[in-house]
Amino acid sequence: MRVAVISPFVDKQHGTERAVAELVERLGAKYGDDVALYAQRVTDVRNLRSASRASGPKQICWHRVGTFPGPLLMGFPGWLWLNRRARHRGIFPSGNRPDVVFSPGINALDADVILVHAVFHRLAELQTARDRAGLRGLHRSLYYALLCKLERRIYGDPRVTLAAVSKHTAEQLKRYFGRDDVTVIPNGVDIGHFSPSAIAPLHDTARSRRRCSPEQTVLLLIGNDWRNKGLGTLLTAIANCRDLPLRLLVVGQDEQATFRAQAAAAGLLERVEFSAPVSDVRSLYAAADILVAPSLEDSFNLPVLEAMACGLPVIVSPQAGVSEWLTHGFNALVLKDPEKSGELAEAIRALADNSQLRKTLAENAVTTARKFSWDEHAAELRQLMEKAAAKKKAAGR
C-alpha cells in the first residue's frame, strides 16, 4: 500500500510526534508499505531516506516541506499550502498517487484517515478572558478560531475516516461534529525503551544534573500550554505542601513569565526548574519520583503512560484520555477536579508521605502500561487505512 503521511514534525521527544514516528516505522518495516512522509523536520525515525537521494521505491521516504515565515496564524495556512504543493510534485517515483493520505489532526484538507490527538473546539472553550488579553492573547484567539473552522470543514466531512486516541476525544468529535463513527485507537508505549530497568542506570546522573538532593521528592510535569496542563494549580498545591521537601521539574515550551511570577510570589522559585524538552525523555523519568498531570484537557497524555511503564506513580486528571484505563488507588491517583489545588495537594502529600502507596501504584502502573502496544496501534490504524483506500478507489477519488 502507498501511504502519504503528513505531519509538520516527527520525532520521539513529544506525544503526537512520537506516535507518528512509531506508526511510519511499522508501516515500512512490518507491512512493507511505501511511505511518503511530508514534514518540516524529522528525527529518530529508523530506515528513513531523503526524497532528494531516492533512486527507486523506498519504504519510508521523507519529502522535506518548507517553513512559512511569520506567526502561527500565518504559518499554519502556509504549512497547509506548502505540504499540498509538495505532494502535487509527485509522491512516489512511479508517479502514482497514494492509496491513502494519513494525518494526525488537521494537517491536510484532503486527508483520507485522521487520528485526532486534540480537539481545538474544546481548547477554545477553555480560554479565559485573561488568555485573550493583549496581543499574544488576541493572536491565540484568532489562531484557535482558524483551527476550529478547519475542524468543522474536515471533521464534519463523512468521507473522512476518523479515529481518536481515547473515548474522551471520540465523544468530543460526536459532540462538536456529529461523528458517531469514530474508532478509538489508544497510543502505545515501547516497554523495552520505557521500563524500570531502562531508567535505573540513569537515576543518579539525572538527579545530579538537576541538583536534586536524595531527600527531595521530585515532581515532574511534561507538556506545552502550561495553563492547560494545570501548572498554575500545581504551583498552588505545592505552596500548600511547603513543609515537604518537594522539587518541581516543568518540561515543555511555553511562556514562563506568568508562572515564574506565581512561583516567586509563593516563595517557590528555588524549588521549581523550567526546562525545554530533552532528546531522551527517560532522563526526566529517572530524575522524578512522581509524575503529576492535572490537565484541564488532554486527549490522551502520553507522558503519563510512559512514566507508568518506567515505574513512576502518577497523579492524573480525569480530563486526560488515558484516565479511562486507570483506577484510582490501584494504578494511579485520579483527581476528581483538576482545578482544585487542595485535592491535588492531598494527592501529592499522600504519595510523598507513603512509600508503600508509591510502590503499590508503581508496580500496578507497570502492569497496566504493558497492555499498550505500538504494534497494536499501527495494526488498527492500518486496517482503517485499508478500508479507506478501498472506499476511495470505489468512489473513483
Protein backbone atom coordinates (compact mmCIF):
# COMPACT_ATOMS: atom_id res chain seq x y z
CA MET A 1 0.00 0.00 0.00
CA ARG A 2 1.21 3.52 -0.79
CA VAL A 3 0.68 5.86 2.15
CA ALA A 4 1.25 9.60 2.33
CA VAL A 5 1.77 10.75 5.93
CA ILE A 6 1.51 14.45 6.73
CA SER A 7 2.84 15.86 9.98
CA PRO A 8 4.86 19.08 10.48
CA PHE A 9 7.26 17.44 12.93
CA VAL A 10 8.13 13.80 13.53
CA ASP A 11 10.34 12.73 16.44
CA LYS A 12 10.30 10.66 19.61
CA GLN A 13 10.52 13.57 22.05
CA HIS A 14 6.85 14.60 22.03
CA GLY A 15 3.47 12.89 22.18
CA THR A 16 1.82 13.24 18.78
CA GLU A 17 5.18 13.34 17.01
CA ARG A 18 6.26 10.08 18.68
CA ALA A 19 3.00 8.40 17.67
CA VAL A 20 3.65 9.32 14.02
CA ALA A 21 7.25 8.08 14.20
CA GLU A 22 6.21 4.75 15.70
CA LEU A 23 3.49 4.35 13.05
CA VAL A 24 5.61 5.05 9.97
CA GLU A 25 8.40 2.75 11.19
CA ARG A 26 5.94 -0.11 11.42
CA LEU A 27 4.20 0.64 8.13
CA GLY A 28 7.58 0.29 6.44
CA ALA A 29 9.27 -2.48 8.44
CA LYS A 30 6.34 -4.71 9.36
CA TYR A 31 3.94 -4.22 6.45
CA GLY A 32 6.33 -3.27 3.65
CA ASP A 33 4.28 -0.21 2.72
CA ASP A 34 5.77 2.61 0.67
CA VAL A 35 5.50 5.63 2.95
CA ALA A 36 5.93 9.18 1.70
CA LEU A 37 6.44 11.33 4.78
CA TYR A 38 5.74 15.05 4.36
CA ALA A 39 7.21 17.04 7.22
CA GLN A 40 9.28 20.10 8.02
CA ARG A 41 11.55 18.27 10.46
CA VAL A 42 12.14 14.56 11.08
CA THR A 43 14.40 12.89 13.64
CA ASP A 44 14.57 9.48 15.33
CA VAL A 45 12.83 7.55 12.51
CA ARG A 46 14.58 4.34 11.52
CA ASN A 47 15.10 3.36 7.86
CA LEU A 48 14.33 6.90 6.71
CA ARG A 49 15.54 8.11 3.31
CA SER A 50 15.51 11.61 1.94
CA ALA A 51 13.46 12.12 -1.22
CA SER A 52 16.39 14.01 -2.75
CA ARG A 53 18.50 10.84 -2.57
CA ALA A 54 15.89 8.27 -3.52
CA SER A 55 16.61 6.37 -6.72
CA GLY A 56 13.69 3.95 -6.65
CA PRO A 57 10.77 2.81 -4.47
CA LYS A 58 11.67 3.18 -0.80
CA GLN A 59 9.68 2.15 2.23
CA ILE A 60 9.95 5.44 4.16
CA CYS A 61 10.86 8.47 2.08
CA TRP A 62 10.98 11.94 3.65
CA HIS A 63 9.85 14.82 1.46
CA ARG A 64 11.03 17.94 3.26
CA VAL A 65 8.36 20.66 3.41
CA GLY A 66 9.43 24.26 3.74
CA THR A 67 8.56 26.55 6.61
CA PHE A 68 6.26 29.51 6.10
CA PRO A 69 7.61 32.56 7.98
CA GLY A 70 5.54 34.51 10.47
CA PRO A 71 3.32 33.76 13.49
CA LEU A 72 1.16 30.64 13.70
CA LEU A 73 -1.84 32.49 12.32
CA MET A 74 0.10 32.81 9.06
CA GLY A 75 2.40 29.82 9.44
CA PHE A 76 -0.31 27.18 9.72
CA PRO A 77 -2.16 28.11 6.49
CA GLY A 78 1.31 28.30 4.93
CA TRP A 79 2.04 24.77 6.14
CA LEU A 80 -1.22 23.51 4.58
CA TRP A 81 -0.34 25.10 1.25
CA LEU A 82 3.30 24.03 1.25
CA ASN A 83 2.66 20.38 2.07
CA ARG A 84 -0.09 20.21 -0.56
CA ARG A 85 2.22 21.72 -3.16
CA ALA A 86 4.97 19.26 -2.23
CA ARG A 87 2.60 16.34 -2.64
CA HIS A 88 1.45 17.54 -6.04
CA ARG A 89 5.03 17.48 -7.30
CA GLY A 90 4.92 13.69 -7.34
CA ILE A 91 4.72 11.46 -4.32
CA PHE A 92 6.19 8.18 -5.49
CA PRO A 93 8.93 7.61 -8.07
CA SER A 94 6.42 5.89 -10.35
CA GLY A 95 4.22 8.98 -10.32
CA ASN A 96 1.30 7.07 -8.81
CA ARG A 97 -0.98 8.76 -6.35
CA PRO A 98 -1.07 7.40 -2.79
CA ASP A 99 -3.68 4.82 -1.90
CA VAL A 100 -4.40 6.74 1.28
CA VAL A 101 -3.44 10.08 2.85
CA PHE A 102 -3.00 9.94 6.62
CA SER A 103 -2.74 12.87 9.02
CA PRO A 104 -2.51 13.22 12.82
CA GLY A 105 -5.03 16.06 13.07
CA ILE A 106 -5.88 18.83 10.60
CA ASN A 107 -2.70 18.94 8.54
CA ALA A 108 -4.37 18.50 5.15
CA LEU A 109 -7.70 19.37 3.58
CA ASP A 110 -7.68 16.14 1.58
CA ALA A 111 -6.72 13.52 4.19
CA ASP A 112 -8.48 10.17 3.95
CA VAL A 113 -7.72 8.97 7.50
CA ILE A 114 -7.14 11.22 10.50
CA LEU A 115 -6.11 10.23 14.01
CA VAL A 116 -7.28 13.01 16.32
CA HIS A 117 -4.91 13.89 19.17
CA ALA A 118 -6.57 17.19 20.16
CA VAL A 119 -9.90 18.93 19.57
CA PHE A 120 -9.41 22.68 19.29
CA HIS A 121 -13.10 23.41 19.74
CA ARG A 122 -12.64 22.21 23.33
CA LEU A 123 -9.37 24.11 23.84
CA ALA A 124 -11.03 27.29 22.57
CA GLU A 125 -13.81 26.82 25.11
CA LEU A 126 -11.24 26.65 27.89
CA GLN A 127 -9.77 30.03 27.01
CA THR A 128 -10.40 32.61 29.71
CA ALA A 129 -10.69 36.37 29.40
CA ARG A 130 -7.13 36.60 30.71
CA ASP A 131 -5.92 34.27 27.95
CA ARG A 132 -7.45 36.57 25.33
CA ALA A 133 -5.90 39.77 26.71
CA GLY A 134 -3.05 41.54 24.93
CA LEU A 135 -1.52 40.89 21.52
CA ARG A 136 -0.44 37.35 22.43
CA GLY A 137 -3.94 36.52 23.65
CA LEU A 138 -5.54 38.05 20.54
CA HIS A 139 -3.22 36.03 18.32
CA ARG A 140 -4.09 32.80 20.15
CA SER A 141 -7.83 33.54 19.90
CA LEU A 142 -7.61 34.16 16.16
CA TYR A 143 -5.42 31.07 15.71
CA TYR A 144 -7.93 28.90 17.58
CA ALA A 145 -10.75 30.38 15.51
CA LEU A 146 -8.90 29.36 12.34
CA LEU A 147 -8.30 25.83 13.63
CA CYS A 148 -11.94 25.48 14.69
CA LYS A 149 -13.06 26.49 11.20
CA LEU A 150 -10.75 23.89 9.69
CA GLU A 151 -12.03 21.26 12.14
CA ARG A 152 -15.63 21.94 11.09
CA ARG A 153 -14.71 21.58 7.43
CA ILE A 154 -12.52 18.48 7.78
CA TYR A 155 -14.03 16.52 10.66
CA GLY A 156 -17.56 17.28 9.51
CA ASP A 157 -16.92 15.56 6.16
CA PRO A 158 -18.30 11.99 6.40
CA ARG A 159 -15.90 10.85 3.66
CA VAL A 160 -13.01 11.34 6.09
CA THR A 161 -12.30 8.30 8.27
CA LEU A 162 -11.76 9.45 11.85
CA ALA A 163 -10.01 7.73 14.72
CA ALA A 164 -9.34 9.10 18.21
CA VAL A 165 -6.73 8.26 20.82
CA SER A 166 -9.35 7.92 23.56
CA LYS A 167 -13.09 7.62 24.17
CA HIS A 168 -12.83 11.09 25.72
CA THR A 169 -11.82 12.54 22.34
CA ALA A 170 -14.29 10.39 20.39
CA GLU A 171 -17.10 11.85 22.49
CA GLN A 172 -15.92 15.37 21.66
CA LEU A 173 -15.93 14.56 17.94
CA LYS A 174 -19.53 13.41 18.30
CA ARG A 175 -20.47 16.47 20.35
CA TYR A 176 -18.97 19.09 18.05
CA PHE A 177 -19.23 17.46 14.63
CA GLY A 178 -21.91 14.79 14.93
CA ARG A 179 -19.42 12.00 14.19
CA ASP A 180 -20.60 8.81 15.88
CA ASP A 181 -18.44 6.58 13.65
CA VAL A 182 -15.08 7.28 15.32
CA THR A 183 -12.75 4.37 16.09
CA VAL A 184 -10.82 4.60 19.37
CA ILE A 185 -7.15 3.63 18.94
CA PRO A 186 -5.09 4.46 22.05
CA ASN A 187 -1.43 5.35 21.94
CA GLY A 188 1.15 2.72 22.75
CA VAL A 189 4.39 2.52 24.67
CA ASP A 190 7.69 0.79 23.94
CA ILE A 191 8.16 -1.25 27.11
CA GLY A 192 11.68 -2.13 26.08
CA HIS A 193 12.62 1.54 25.95
CA PHE A 194 10.45 2.67 28.87
CA SER A 195 10.82 0.37 31.86
CA PRO A 196 12.13 0.43 35.44
CA SER A 197 15.29 -1.41 34.32
CA ALA A 198 15.84 1.08 31.46
CA ILE A 199 15.81 4.17 33.69
CA ALA A 200 17.54 2.71 36.76
CA PRO A 201 21.08 3.31 35.39
CA LEU A 202 20.14 6.92 34.61
CA HIS A 203 18.83 7.77 38.08
CA ASP A 204 21.88 9.11 39.88
CA THR A 205 23.21 11.13 36.94
CA ALA A 206 19.78 12.55 36.09
CA ARG A 207 19.18 13.78 39.63
CA SER A 208 22.70 15.12 39.98
CA ARG A 209 22.46 17.16 36.77
CA ARG A 210 19.28 18.79 38.01
CA ARG A 211 20.67 19.30 41.51
CA CYS A 212 18.02 17.12 43.16
CA SER A 213 19.07 16.01 46.62
CA PRO A 214 18.30 12.48 47.89
CA GLU A 215 15.83 13.74 50.48
CA GLN A 216 13.75 15.69 47.94
CA THR A 217 10.58 14.30 46.38
CA VAL A 218 10.80 15.32 42.74
CA LEU A 219 7.57 16.07 40.89
CA LEU A 220 7.51 16.14 37.09
CA LEU A 221 5.10 17.90 34.72
CA ILE A 222 5.61 17.49 30.96
CA GLY A 223 3.85 19.30 28.12
CA ASN A 224 3.25 22.58 26.33
CA ASP A 225 0.49 25.11 27.05
CA TRP A 226 1.17 25.07 30.77
CA ARG A 227 -2.11 26.69 31.75
CA ASN A 228 -4.00 23.83 30.14
CA LYS A 229 -1.57 21.35 31.71
CA GLY A 230 -2.59 22.65 35.14
CA LEU A 231 0.70 24.24 36.14
CA GLY A 232 -0.99 27.11 37.96
CA THR A 233 -2.98 24.70 40.11
CA LEU A 234 0.12 22.59 40.71
CA LEU A 235 2.14 25.57 41.94
CA THR A 236 -0.64 26.46 44.38
CA ALA A 237 -0.77 22.85 45.58
CA ILE A 238 3.00 22.79 46.17
CA ALA A 239 2.71 26.04 48.14
CA ASN A 240 0.19 24.24 50.36
CA CYS A 241 2.80 21.49 50.90
CA ARG A 242 5.73 23.77 51.68
CA ASP A 243 6.56 21.68 54.75
CA LEU A 244 7.50 18.81 52.42
CA PRO A 245 10.89 18.70 50.63
CA LEU A 246 9.34 18.98 47.17
CA ARG A 247 11.04 19.96 43.94
CA LEU A 248 9.20 20.50 40.64
CA LEU A 249 10.55 19.95 37.12
CA VAL A 250 8.45 21.65 34.44
CA VAL A 251 9.39 20.48 30.93
CA GLY A 252 7.93 21.91 27.74
CA GLN A 253 7.64 25.02 25.63
CA ASP A 254 5.52 27.95 26.77
CA GLU A 255 5.79 31.49 28.08
CA GLN A 256 7.38 31.25 31.54
CA ALA A 257 6.83 34.77 32.88
CA THR A 258 3.36 34.24 34.38
CA PHE A 259 4.31 31.01 36.14
CA ARG A 260 7.67 32.33 37.33
CA ALA A 261 5.83 35.26 38.86
CA GLN A 262 3.38 32.90 40.60
CA ALA A 263 6.23 30.75 41.90
CA ALA A 264 8.11 33.82 43.11
CA ALA A 265 5.05 35.20 44.90
CA ALA A 266 4.63 31.85 46.68
CA GLY A 267 8.33 31.66 47.56
CA LEU A 268 8.84 28.59 45.38
CA LEU A 269 11.37 29.76 42.79
CA GLU A 270 14.21 27.76 44.33
CA ARG A 271 12.05 24.63 44.20
CA VAL A 272 10.95 24.95 40.54
CA GLU A 273 13.00 24.34 37.40
CA PHE A 274 11.69 25.20 33.93
CA SER A 275 13.27 23.19 31.13
CA ALA A 276 12.93 22.72 27.37
CA PRO A 277 12.19 19.21 26.01
CA VAL A 278 15.17 16.85 26.07
CA SER A 279 16.35 14.34 23.49
CA ASP A 280 15.85 11.37 25.81
CA VAL A 281 12.79 11.84 27.98
CA ARG A 282 13.80 8.82 30.07
CA SER A 283 16.29 11.03 31.91
CA LEU A 284 13.33 13.01 33.24
CA TYR A 285 11.52 9.91 34.45
CA ALA A 286 14.77 8.76 36.02
CA ALA A 287 15.10 12.03 37.96
CA ALA A 288 11.48 12.14 39.11
CA ASP A 289 9.65 10.40 41.95
CA ILE A 290 6.10 11.28 40.82
CA LEU A 291 4.60 12.42 37.53
CA VAL A 292 1.83 14.99 38.01
CA ALA A 293 -0.67 15.70 35.21
CA PRO A 294 -3.57 17.87 36.45
CA SER A 295 -4.54 18.99 32.94
CA LEU A 296 -7.77 20.77 32.11
CA GLU A 297 -7.92 18.93 28.78
CA ASP A 298 -5.82 16.15 27.27
CA SER A 299 -6.88 13.80 24.51
CA PHE A 300 -4.52 11.17 25.91
CA ASN A 301 -1.32 12.42 27.67
CA LEU A 302 1.37 10.02 26.51
CA PRO A 303 3.93 11.02 29.21
CA VAL A 304 1.58 9.52 31.80
CA LEU A 305 1.73 6.14 30.08
CA GLU A 306 5.50 6.35 29.58
CA ALA A 307 6.04 7.28 33.23
CA MET A 308 3.87 4.37 34.32
CA ALA A 309 5.89 1.99 32.14
CA CYS A 310 9.02 3.31 33.89
CA GLY A 311 7.54 2.54 37.32
CA LEU A 312 6.60 6.04 38.42
CA PRO A 313 3.43 6.66 40.43
CA VAL A 314 1.23 9.18 38.62
CA ILE A 315 -1.39 11.76 39.56
CA VAL A 316 -3.77 12.25 36.65
CA SER A 317 -6.67 14.47 35.66
CA PRO A 318 -9.98 12.82 34.74
CA GLN A 319 -9.94 15.13 31.69
CA ALA A 320 -6.99 13.19 30.24
CA GLY A 321 -7.98 10.39 27.88
CA VAL A 322 -5.51 7.97 29.45
CA SER A 323 -7.53 8.09 32.69
CA GLU A 324 -10.12 5.81 31.03
CA TRP A 325 -7.70 2.93 31.59
CA LEU A 326 -6.77 3.91 35.16
CA THR A 327 -8.29 3.05 38.54
CA HIS A 328 -7.88 5.44 41.44
CA GLY A 329 -5.80 3.95 44.21
CA PHE A 330 -4.78 0.93 42.13
CA ASN A 331 -2.51 2.08 39.31
CA ALA A 332 -2.79 5.87 39.70
CA LEU A 333 -4.30 8.65 41.75
CA VAL A 334 -7.08 10.09 39.57
CA LEU A 335 -8.24 13.53 40.61
CA LYS A 336 -11.94 14.36 40.81
CA ASP A 337 -11.40 18.01 39.85
CA PRO A 338 -8.01 19.05 38.39
CA GLU A 339 -8.69 22.71 39.21
CA LYS A 340 -8.93 22.13 42.96
CA SER A 341 -5.47 22.77 44.37
CA GLY A 342 -6.47 21.38 47.76
CA GLU A 343 -7.33 17.98 46.29
CA LEU A 344 -4.08 17.97 44.30
CA ALA A 345 -2.09 18.89 47.42
CA GLU A 346 -3.67 15.97 49.29
CA ALA A 347 -2.69 13.59 46.48
CA ILE A 348 0.90 14.87 46.48
CA ARG A 349 1.11 14.61 50.26
CA ALA A 350 -0.32 11.07 50.20
CA LEU A 351 2.41 9.89 47.84
CA ALA A 352 5.23 11.87 49.43
CA ASP A 353 4.42 10.52 52.91
CA ASN A 354 3.61 6.91 52.00
CA SER A 355 6.37 4.89 50.35
CA GLN A 356 4.22 1.75 50.32
CA LEU A 357 1.48 3.52 48.37
CA ARG A 358 4.07 4.77 45.88
CA LYS A 359 5.40 1.22 45.49
CA THR A 360 1.95 -0.33 45.01
CA LEU A 361 0.85 2.24 42.44
CA ALA A 362 4.15 1.95 40.58
CA GLU A 363 4.02 -1.84 40.35
CA ASN A 364 0.42 -1.82 39.10
CA ALA A 365 1.23 1.03 36.72
CA VAL A 366 3.94 -1.04 35.03
CA THR A 367 1.50 -3.94 34.58
CA THR A 368 -1.12 -1.61 33.08
CA ALA A 369 1.33 0.07 30.71
CA ARG A 370 2.37 -3.29 29.27
CA LYS A 371 -1.12 -3.66 27.83
CA PHE A 372 -0.49 -0.77 25.42
CA SER A 373 1.46 -1.54 22.27
CA TRP A 374 2.65 0.50 19.30
CA ASP A 375 2.36 -2.68 17.22
CA GLU A 376 -1.34 -2.94 18.01
CA HIS A 377 -1.76 0.80 17.49
CA ALA A 378 -0.24 0.54 14.00
CA ALA A 379 -2.21 -2.59 13.14
CA GLU A 380 -5.56 -0.95 13.95
CA LEU A 381 -4.68 2.21 12.07
CA ARG A 382 -3.56 0.25 9.04
CA GLN A 383 -6.86 -1.63 8.99
CA LEU A 384 -8.65 1.74 8.84
CA MET A 385 -6.32 2.83 6.04
CA GLU A 386 -7.07 -0.30 4.01
CA LYS A 387 -10.82 0.28 4.36
CA ALA A 388 -10.46 3.96 3.49
CA ALA A 389 -8.30 3.13 0.46
CA ALA A 390 -10.91 0.63 -0.79
CA LYS A 391 -13.71 3.17 -0.29
CA LYS A 392 -11.67 5.84 -2.06
CA LYS A 393 -10.99 3.55 -5.01
CA ALA A 394 -14.64 2.55 -5.30
CA ALA A 395 -15.67 6.20 -5.35
CA GLY A 396 -13.10 6.96 -8.07
CA ARG A 397 -11.28 9.52 -5.96
